[in-house]
Amino acid sequence: MNSANCCDSSARKIVSHTFSCWNWKCALLSASVRSIVYLAAMLRSSRHDALSILLIEMAYVTLTAGLYAGMQQKALGLRNRLFGNLLVVVCVPGLAQFLDWLIHRVAGAVVPGRVLLTVCIFTFISALFHLYLMRRGAFLTNHHGRSLRDDFRRMPRLVLGFVIAPVILFMALTARSGSEAKTEAAL
């Protein structure tokens, strides 16, 4: 086998592996929602390049959100669940935000700080939501996933569960600390 065929084969394997990680469901959802967030944040901006920032964001997110979600989906399978969760919620979104900032910088469409902060907060909440969805079997692709229709059918229940999860956690922690205080007082 000559070196050109070897390199060609390696390139095909890399592209094939990359797209086997691509999560088209999350790409569709992320690109749609994130573009709306950018648009809402940019409407308040008086910047003359707001449209170019939005167009760059839409193109970039459409191309990359599926890859990032695929990486997140792969992280769910790690033995160390805490490390997998950290990758899903912090590392992959952090990489995405850094590259997003870099793309805008290179294109000369610098995003205002207020917009960048808004998008970073949204990205963190979105990553928590992706983790919540994926841990419950929604918005997974390949042999792990269900149909997109089924994912959307489950969405109201999943959104409600995601919204009330912090309340349930807070109540459980409060009850636990209350029972610990009673135990200490009894001693």
C-alpha atoms as a PDB file:
ATOM      1  CA  MET A   1       0.000   0.000   0.000  1.00  0.00           C
ATOM      2  CA  ASN A   2       1.483   3.352  -0.940  1.00  0.00           C
ATOM      3  CA  SER A   3       1.604   6.298   1.473  1.00  0.00           C
ATOM      4  CA  ALA A   4      -1.105   8.232  -0.387  1.00  0.00           C
ATOM      5  CA  ASN A   5      -3.618   5.406   0.069  1.00  0.00           C
ATOM      6  CA  CYS A   6      -2.603   5.026   3.729  1.00  0.00           C
ATOM      7  CA  CYS A   7      -3.169   8.725   4.410  1.00  0.00           C
ATOM      8  CA  ASP A   8      -6.405   8.634   2.439  1.00  0.00           C
ATOM      9  CA  SER A   9      -7.588   5.656   4.503  1.00  0.00           C
ATOM     10  CA  SER A  10      -6.617   7.371   7.765  1.00  0.00           C
ATOM     11  CA  ALA A  11      -8.446  10.538   6.753  1.00  0.00           C
ATOM     12  CA  ARG A  12     -11.557   8.505   5.905  1.00  0.00           C
ATOM     13  CA  LYS A  13     -11.402   6.792   9.301  1.00  0.00           C
ATOM     14  CA  ILE A  14     -11.126  10.132  11.102  1.00  0.00           C
ATOM     15  CA  VAL A  15     -14.034  11.608   9.149  1.00  0.00           C
ATOM     16  CA  SER A  16     -16.077   8.434   9.643  1.00  0.00           C
ATOM     17  CA  HIS A  17     -15.386   8.386  13.390  1.00  0.00           C
ATOM     18  CA  THR A  18     -16.148  12.104  13.693  1.00  0.00           C
ATOM     19  CA  PHE A  19     -19.518  11.741  11.992  1.00  0.00           C
ATOM     20  CA  SER A  20     -20.323   8.595  13.956  1.00  0.00           C
ATOM     21  CA  CYS A  21     -20.105  10.898  16.989  1.00  0.00           C
ATOM     22  CA  TRP A  22     -22.276  13.554  15.364  1.00  0.00           C
ATOM     23  CA  ASN A  23     -25.649  13.944  17.078  1.00  0.00           C
ATOM     24  CA  TRP A  24     -27.984  15.449  14.496  1.00  0.00           C
ATOM     25  CA  LYS A  25     -30.883  15.736  16.959  1.00  0.00           C
ATOM     26  CA  CYS A  26     -28.960  18.008  19.310  1.00  0.00           C
ATOM     27  CA  ALA A  27     -27.507  19.915  16.350  1.00  0.00           C
ATOM     28  CA  LEU A  28     -31.004  20.753  15.185  1.00  0.00           C
ATOM     29  CA  LEU A  29     -32.222  21.702  18.659  1.00  0.00           C
ATOM     30  CA  SER A  30     -29.096  23.657  19.661  1.00  0.00           C
ATOM     31  CA  ALA A  31     -28.759  25.600  16.433  1.00  0.00           C
ATOM     32  CA  SER A  32     -32.402  26.643  16.537  1.00  0.00           C
ATOM     33  CA  VAL A  33     -32.531  27.668  20.184  1.00  0.00           C
ATOM     34  CA  ARG A  34     -29.073  29.203  20.396  1.00  0.00           C
ATOM     35  CA  SER A  35     -29.650  31.331  17.308  1.00  0.00           C
ATOM     36  CA  ILE A  36     -32.813  32.691  18.920  1.00  0.00           C
ATOM     37  CA  VAL A  37     -30.842  33.517  22.090  1.00  0.00           C
ATOM     38  CA  TYR A  38     -28.195  35.336  20.041  1.00  0.00           C
ATOM     39  CA  LEU A  39     -30.861  37.183  18.079  1.00  0.00           C
ATOM     40  CA  ALA A  40     -32.633  38.294  21.267  1.00  0.00           C
ATOM     41  CA  ALA A  41     -29.363  39.442  22.819  1.00  0.00           C
ATOM     42  CA  MET A  42     -28.283  41.238  19.636  1.00  0.00           C
ATOM     43  CA  LEU A  43     -31.617  43.054  19.213  1.00  0.00           C
ATOM     44  CA  ARG A  44     -30.695  45.196  22.196  1.00  0.00           C
ATOM     45  CA  SER A  45     -27.302  45.942  20.696  1.00  0.00           C
ATOM     46  CA  SER A  46     -26.859  48.946  18.453  1.00  0.00           C
ATOM     47  CA  ARG A  47     -23.940  47.295  16.683  1.00  0.00           C
ATOM     48  CA  HIS A  48     -23.859  47.670  12.929  1.00  0.00           C
ATOM     49  CA  ASP A  49     -22.368  44.175  12.544  1.00  0.00           C
ATOM     50  CA  ALA A  50     -25.107  42.393  14.559  1.00  0.00           C
ATOM     51  CA  LEU A  51     -26.379  40.529  11.480  1.00  0.00           C
ATOM     52  CA  SER A  52     -22.916  39.207  10.621  1.00  0.00           C
ATOM     53  CA  ILE A  53     -22.447  38.044  14.223  1.00  0.00           C
ATOM     54  CA  LEU A  54     -25.801  36.235  14.080  1.00  0.00           C
ATOM     55  CA  LEU A  55     -25.075  34.624  10.700  1.00  0.00           C
ATOM     56  CA  ILE A  56     -21.651  33.438  11.837  1.00  0.00           C
ATOM     57  CA  GLU A  57     -23.223  32.022  14.986  1.00  0.00           C
ATOM     58  CA  MET A  58     -25.951  30.182  13.071  1.00  0.00           C
ATOM     59  CA  ALA A  59     -23.485  28.628  10.620  1.00  0.00           C
ATOM     60  CA  TYR A  60     -20.971  27.737  13.305  1.00  0.00           C
ATOM     61  CA  VAL A  61     -23.518  26.195  15.681  1.00  0.00           C
ATOM     62  CA  THR A  62     -25.231  24.273  12.917  1.00  0.00           C
ATOM     63  CA  LEU A  63     -21.917  22.728  11.902  1.00  0.00           C
ATOM     64  CA  THR A  64     -20.526  22.022  15.371  1.00  0.00           C
ATOM     65  CA  ALA A  65     -23.392  21.451  17.813  1.00  0.00           C
ATOM     66  CA  GLY A  66     -23.897  17.912  16.582  1.00  0.00           C
ATOM     67  CA  LEU A  67     -20.229  17.094  17.037  1.00  0.00           C
ATOM     68  CA  TYR A  68     -20.189  18.523  20.562  1.00  0.00           C
ATOM     69  CA  ALA A  69     -23.386  16.668  21.467  1.00  0.00           C
ATOM     70  CA  GLY A  70     -21.862  13.503  20.028  1.00  0.00           C
ATOM     71  CA  MET A  71     -18.831  14.004  22.262  1.00  0.00           C
ATOM     72  CA  GLN A  72     -21.199  14.509  25.184  1.00  0.00           C
ATOM     73  CA  GLN A  73     -23.083  11.332  24.268  1.00  0.00           C
ATOM     74  CA  LYS A  74     -19.790   9.383  24.167  1.00  0.00           C
ATOM     75  CA  ALA A  75     -18.855  10.804  27.608  1.00  0.00           C
ATOM     76  CA  LEU A  76     -22.015   9.267  29.077  1.00  0.00           C
ATOM     77  CA  GLY A  77     -20.471   5.837  28.574  1.00  0.00           C
ATOM     78  CA  LEU A  78     -17.393   6.495  30.711  1.00  0.00           C
ATOM     79  CA  ARG A  79     -16.987   4.268  33.753  1.00  0.00           C
ATOM     80  CA  ASN A  80     -16.465   7.223  36.041  1.00  0.00           C
ATOM     81  CA  ARG A  81     -19.899   8.849  35.915  1.00  0.00           C
ATOM     82  CA  LEU A  82     -18.710  12.027  37.671  1.00  0.00           C
ATOM     83  CA  PHE A  83     -15.933  12.493  35.088  1.00  0.00           C
ATOM     84  CA  GLY A  84     -18.409  11.878  32.263  1.00  0.00           C
ATOM     85  CA  ASN A  85     -20.790  14.459  33.736  1.00  0.00           C
ATOM     86  CA  LEU A  86     -17.912  16.942  34.086  1.00  0.00           C
ATOM     87  CA  LEU A  87     -17.022  16.437  30.414  1.00  0.00           C
ATOM     88  CA  VAL A  88     -20.654  16.926  29.372  1.00  0.00           C
ATOM     89  CA  VAL A  89     -21.322  20.026  31.480  1.00  0.00           C
ATOM     90  CA  VAL A  90     -17.950  21.818  31.642  1.00  0.00           C
ATOM     91  CA  CYS A  91     -15.275  20.579  29.225  1.00  0.00           C
ATOM     92  CA  VAL A  92     -17.196  20.168  25.960  1.00  0.00           C
ATOM     93  CA  PRO A  93     -19.204  23.422  26.400  1.00  0.00           C
ATOM     94  CA  GLY A  94     -16.023  25.243  27.478  1.00  0.00           C
ATOM     95  CA  LEU A  95     -14.263  24.100  24.320  1.00  0.00           C
ATOM     96  CA  ALA A  96     -17.301  25.081  22.268  1.00  0.00           C
ATOM     97  CA  GLN A  97     -17.441  28.561  23.813  1.00  0.00           C
ATOM     98  CA  PHE A  98     -13.723  29.143  23.326  1.00  0.00           C
ATOM     99  CA  LEU A  99     -13.859  28.109  19.664  1.00  0.00           C
ATOM    100  CA  ASP A 100     -17.014  30.174  19.186  1.00  0.00           C
ATOM    101  CA  TRP A 101     -15.256  33.244  20.596  1.00  0.00           C
ATOM    102  CA  LEU A 102     -12.219  32.539  18.396  1.00  0.00           C
ATOM    103  CA  ILE A 103     -14.313  32.212  15.211  1.00  0.00           C
ATOM    104  CA  HIS A 104     -15.986  35.562  15.879  1.00  0.00           C
ATOM    105  CA  ARG A 105     -12.608  37.140  16.652  1.00  0.00           C
ATOM    106  CA  VAL A 106     -11.017  35.830  13.442  1.00  0.00           C
ATOM    107  CA  ALA A 107     -14.036  36.971  11.415  1.00  0.00           C
ATOM    108  CA  GLY A 108     -13.686  40.455  12.893  1.00  0.00           C
ATOM    109  CA  ALA A 109     -17.172  40.335  14.386  1.00  0.00           C
ATOM    110  CA  VAL A 110     -16.281  40.730  18.051  1.00  0.00           C
ATOM    111  CA  VAL A 111     -19.201  39.848  20.293  1.00  0.00           C
ATOM    112  CA  PRO A 112     -20.059  42.419  22.984  1.00  0.00           C
ATOM    113  CA  GLY A 113     -19.248  41.320  26.543  1.00  0.00           C
ATOM    114  CA  ARG A 114     -22.887  41.373  27.675  1.00  0.00           C
ATOM    115  CA  VAL A 115     -23.889  39.103  24.789  1.00  0.00           C
ATOM    116  CA  LEU A 116     -20.945  36.775  25.459  1.00  0.00           C
ATOM    117  CA  LEU A 117     -21.909  36.486  29.143  1.00  0.00           C
ATOM    118  CA  THR A 118     -25.543  35.774  28.204  1.00  0.00           C
ATOM    119  CA  VAL A 119     -24.482  33.050  25.787  1.00  0.00           C
ATOM    120  CA  CYS A 120     -22.053  31.514  28.335  1.00  0.00           C
ATOM    121  CA  ILE A 121     -24.838  31.301  30.927  1.00  0.00           C
ATOM    122  CA  PHE A 122     -27.188  29.824  28.340  1.00  0.00           C
ATOM    123  CA  THR A 123     -24.497  27.327  27.285  1.00  0.00           C
ATOM    124  CA  PHE A 124     -24.015  26.132  30.865  1.00  0.00           C
ATOM    125  CA  ILE A 125     -27.759  25.682  31.405  1.00  0.00           C
ATOM    126  CA  SER A 126     -28.037  24.017  27.999  1.00  0.00           C
ATOM    127  CA  ALA A 127     -25.233  21.593  28.900  1.00  0.00           C
ATOM    128  CA  LEU A 128     -27.008  20.695  32.146  1.00  0.00           C
ATOM    129  CA  PHE A 129     -30.189  20.155  30.130  1.00  0.00           C
ATOM    130  CA  HIS A 130     -28.349  17.963  27.588  1.00  0.00           C
ATOM    131  CA  LEU A 131     -26.963  15.878  30.451  1.00  0.00           C
ATOM    132  CA  TYR A 132     -30.439  15.556  31.962  1.00  0.00           C
ATOM    133  CA  LEU A 133     -31.983  14.560  28.620  1.00  0.00           C
ATOM    134  CA  MET A 134     -29.269  12.145  27.608  1.00  0.00           C
ATOM    135  CA  ARG A 135     -29.144  10.416  31.010  1.00  0.00           C
ATOM    136  CA  ARG A 136     -32.846   9.733  30.464  1.00  0.00           C
ATOM    137  CA  GLY A 137     -32.348   8.338  26.968  1.00  0.00           C
ATOM    138  CA  ALA A 138     -33.601  11.352  25.012  1.00  0.00           C
ATOM    139  CA  PHE A 139     -31.867  13.029  22.074  1.00  0.00           C
ATOM    140  CA  LEU A 140     -29.443  10.154  21.651  1.00  0.00           C
ATOM    141  CA  THR A 141     -28.500   8.982  18.191  1.00  0.00           C
ATOM    142  CA  ASN A 142     -27.289   5.746  16.615  1.00  0.00           C
ATOM    143  CA  HIS A 143     -28.420   2.528  18.306  1.00  0.00           C
ATOM    144  CA  HIS A 144     -28.871   4.305  21.650  1.00  0.00           C
ATOM    145  CA  GLY A 145     -31.608   6.651  20.496  1.00  0.00           C
ATOM    146  CA  ARG A 146     -35.297   6.666  19.823  1.00  0.00           C
ATOM    147  CA  SER A 147     -37.066   8.565  17.079  1.00  0.00           C
ATOM    148  CA  LEU A 148     -37.006  12.362  17.044  1.00  0.00           C
ATOM    149  CA  ARG A 149     -40.807  12.290  17.284  1.00  0.00           C
ATOM    150  CA  ASP A 150     -40.593  10.190  20.461  1.00  0.00           C
ATOM    151  CA  ASP A 151     -37.986  12.553  21.917  1.00  0.00           C
ATOM    152  CA  PHE A 152     -40.243  15.547  21.279  1.00  0.00           C
ATOM    153  CA  ARG A 153     -43.270  13.667  22.627  1.00  0.00           C
ATOM    154  CA  ARG A 154     -41.364  13.153  25.905  1.00  0.00           C
ATOM    155  CA  MET A 155     -40.105  16.765  25.960  1.00  0.00           C
ATOM    156  CA  PRO A 156     -42.812  18.393  28.150  1.00  0.00           C
ATOM    157  CA  ARG A 157     -42.262  15.810  30.892  1.00  0.00           C
ATOM    158  CA  LEU A 158     -38.484  16.101  30.569  1.00  0.00           C
ATOM    159  CA  VAL A 159     -38.543  19.914  30.689  1.00  0.00           C
ATOM    160  CA  LEU A 160     -40.784  19.828  33.762  1.00  0.00           C
ATOM    161  CA  GLY A 161     -38.465  17.299  35.427  1.00  0.00           C
ATOM    162  CA  PHE A 162     -35.427  19.444  34.626  1.00  0.00           C
ATOM    163  CA  VAL A 163     -37.064  22.584  36.001  1.00  0.00           C
ATOM    164  CA  ILE A 164     -38.241  20.980  39.252  1.00  0.00           C
ATOM    165  CA  ALA A 165     -35.060  18.904  39.824  1.00  0.00           C
ATOM    166  CA  PRO A 166     -33.256  21.748  41.672  1.00  0.00           C
ATOM    167  CA  VAL A 167     -36.336  22.269  43.871  1.00  0.00           C
ATOM    168  CA  ILE A 168     -36.444  18.559  44.734  1.00  0.00           C
ATOM    169  CA  LEU A 169     -32.696  18.561  45.431  1.00  0.00           C
ATOM    170  CA  PHE A 170     -33.011  21.628  47.653  1.00  0.00           C
ATOM    171  CA  MET A 171     -35.903  20.082  49.575  1.00  0.00           C
ATOM    172  CA  ALA A 172     -33.980  16.824  50.052  1.00  0.00           C
ATOM    173  CA  LEU A 173     -30.886  18.670  51.275  1.00  0.00           C
ATOM    174  CA  THR A 174     -32.980  20.797  53.619  1.00  0.00           C
ATOM    175  CA  ALA A 175     -34.752  17.746  55.048  1.00  0.00           C
ATOM    176  CA  ARG A 176     -31.427  15.932  55.427  1.00  0.00           C
ATOM    177  CA  SER A 177     -29.735  18.821  57.231  1.00  0.00           C
ATOM    178  CA  GLY A 178     -32.821  19.178  59.445  1.00  0.00           C
ATOM    179  CA  SER A 179     -32.704  15.511  60.442  1.00  0.00           C
ATOM    180  CA  GLU A 180     -28.934  15.751  61.075  1.00  0.00           C
ATOM    181  CA  ALA A 181     -29.512  18.765  63.339  1.00  0.00           C
ATOM    182  CA  LYS A 182     -32.153  16.815  65.293  1.00  0.00           C
ATOM    183  CA  THR A 183     -29.755  13.865  65.636  1.00  0.00           C
ATOM    184  CA  GLU A 184     -26.979  16.129  66.929  1.00  0.00           C
ATOM    185  CA  ALA A 185     -29.364  17.829  69.378  1.00  0.00           C
ATOM    186  CA  ALA A 186     -30.469  14.433  70.702  1.00  0.00           C
ATOM    187  CA  LEU A 187     -26.861  13.467  71.421  1.00  0.00           C
END
